[in-house]
Amino acid sequence: MAGKKPTITLDRSLVEAMTAAAHEASIPLSRLITSAAERELRLRLGRTAVSEWQAEHGGFTSEELAAARAEMTDADAAGAGMDGGMDF
């Protein structure tokens, strides 16, 4: 992948924590930072999509929110190789 080297300033303790996390995951620090940035952009897109949907269809009900949370918990558990019941 062709990359660009931007200059950014981060808090020293954040850089140290990110460097340790990258080392523990055996990935380059740049990959960890890229993943974090990509995740933030996906979250923003998701929030925009939800806001647009709610503007057109109205807010979610308590039941819809509970069902969505349960589904996400099940998906997270499946992704972690567990059988559900994770508390977030």
Protein backbone atom coordinates (compact mmCIF):
# COMPACT_ATOMS: atom_id res chain seq x y z
CA MET A 1 0.00 0.00 0.00
CA ALA A 2 1.36 3.40 -0.91
CA GLY A 3 1.42 5.54 2.16
CA LYS A 4 1.74 9.15 3.14
CA LYS A 5 3.70 10.23 6.18
CA PRO A 6 1.70 12.95 7.93
CA THR A 7 3.11 14.77 10.91
CA ILE A 8 0.89 14.47 13.98
CA THR A 9 1.34 15.25 17.65
CA LEU A 10 0.13 12.78 20.28
CA ASP A 11 0.42 12.72 24.03
CA ARG A 12 3.55 10.84 25.08
CA SER A 13 1.62 8.40 27.29
CA LEU A 14 -0.72 7.60 24.39
CA VAL A 15 2.22 6.87 22.10
CA GLU A 16 3.78 4.63 24.73
CA ALA A 17 0.52 2.72 25.26
CA MET A 18 -0.03 2.35 21.52
CA THR A 19 3.54 1.21 20.97
CA ALA A 20 3.14 -1.43 23.69
CA ALA A 21 -0.18 -2.58 22.22
CA ALA A 22 1.33 -2.86 18.75
CA HIS A 23 4.28 -4.80 20.13
CA GLU A 24 1.95 -7.19 22.01
CA ALA A 25 -0.05 -7.74 18.82
CA SER A 26 3.14 -8.16 16.76
CA ILE A 27 2.07 -5.48 14.31
CA PRO A 28 3.71 -2.21 13.27
CA LEU A 29 2.61 0.89 15.16
CA SER A 30 1.47 2.42 11.87
CA ARG A 31 -0.94 -0.54 11.34
CA LEU A 32 -2.41 -0.05 14.82
CA ILE A 33 -2.94 3.66 14.18
CA THR A 34 -4.39 2.97 10.73
CA SER A 35 -6.83 0.43 12.22
CA ALA A 36 -7.93 2.91 14.88
CA ALA A 37 -8.50 5.64 12.28
CA GLU A 38 -10.44 3.26 10.01
CA ARG A 39 -12.61 2.17 12.95
CA GLU A 40 -13.39 5.81 13.81
CA LEU A 41 -14.41 6.52 10.20
CA ARG A 42 -16.66 3.42 10.12
CA LEU A 43 -18.31 4.52 13.37
CA ARG A 44 -18.95 7.98 11.94
CA LEU A 45 -20.52 6.48 8.81
CA GLY A 46 -22.68 4.22 10.95
CA ARG A 47 -23.85 7.08 13.15
CA THR A 48 -24.73 9.11 10.06
CA ALA A 49 -26.70 6.20 8.59
CA VAL A 50 -28.61 5.70 11.85
CA SER A 51 -29.39 9.43 12.11
CA GLU A 52 -30.65 9.51 8.53
CA TRP A 53 -32.79 6.42 9.09
CA GLN A 54 -34.28 7.86 12.28
CA ALA A 55 -34.99 11.19 10.58
CA GLU A 56 -37.04 9.32 8.00
CA HIS A 57 -38.64 6.61 10.16
CA GLY A 58 -38.58 7.96 13.71
CA GLY A 59 -36.55 6.94 16.73
CA PHE A 60 -35.96 3.36 17.74
CA THR A 61 -38.22 1.86 20.39
CA SER A 62 -36.88 0.41 23.63
CA GLU A 63 -37.69 -3.05 22.30
CA GLU A 64 -35.77 -2.44 19.06
CA LEU A 65 -32.75 -1.16 20.98
CA ALA A 66 -32.82 -4.17 23.34
CA ALA A 67 -33.02 -6.58 20.39
CA ALA A 68 -30.12 -4.83 18.66
CA ARG A 69 -28.00 -4.97 21.82
CA ALA A 70 -28.72 -8.68 22.23
CA GLU A 71 -27.81 -9.34 18.61
CA MET A 72 -24.55 -7.41 18.94
CA THR A 73 -23.68 -9.27 22.15
CA ASP A 74 -24.27 -12.60 20.40
CA ALA A 75 -22.18 -11.52 17.42
CA ASP A 76 -19.35 -10.33 19.68
CA ALA A 77 -19.44 -13.61 21.59
CA ALA A 78 -19.39 -15.63 18.37
CA GLY A 79 -16.46 -13.58 17.10
CA ALA A 80 -14.59 -14.21 20.33
CA GLY A 81 -15.29 -17.94 20.13
CA MET A 82 -17.72 -17.80 23.04
CA ASP A 83 -21.35 -18.85 23.32
CA GLY A 84 -22.94 -15.56 24.37
CA GLY A 85 -23.56 -13.93 27.69
CA MET A 86 -20.86 -11.27 27.45
CA ASP A 87 -21.50 -8.18 29.55
CA PHE A 88 -20.49 -4.81 28.10
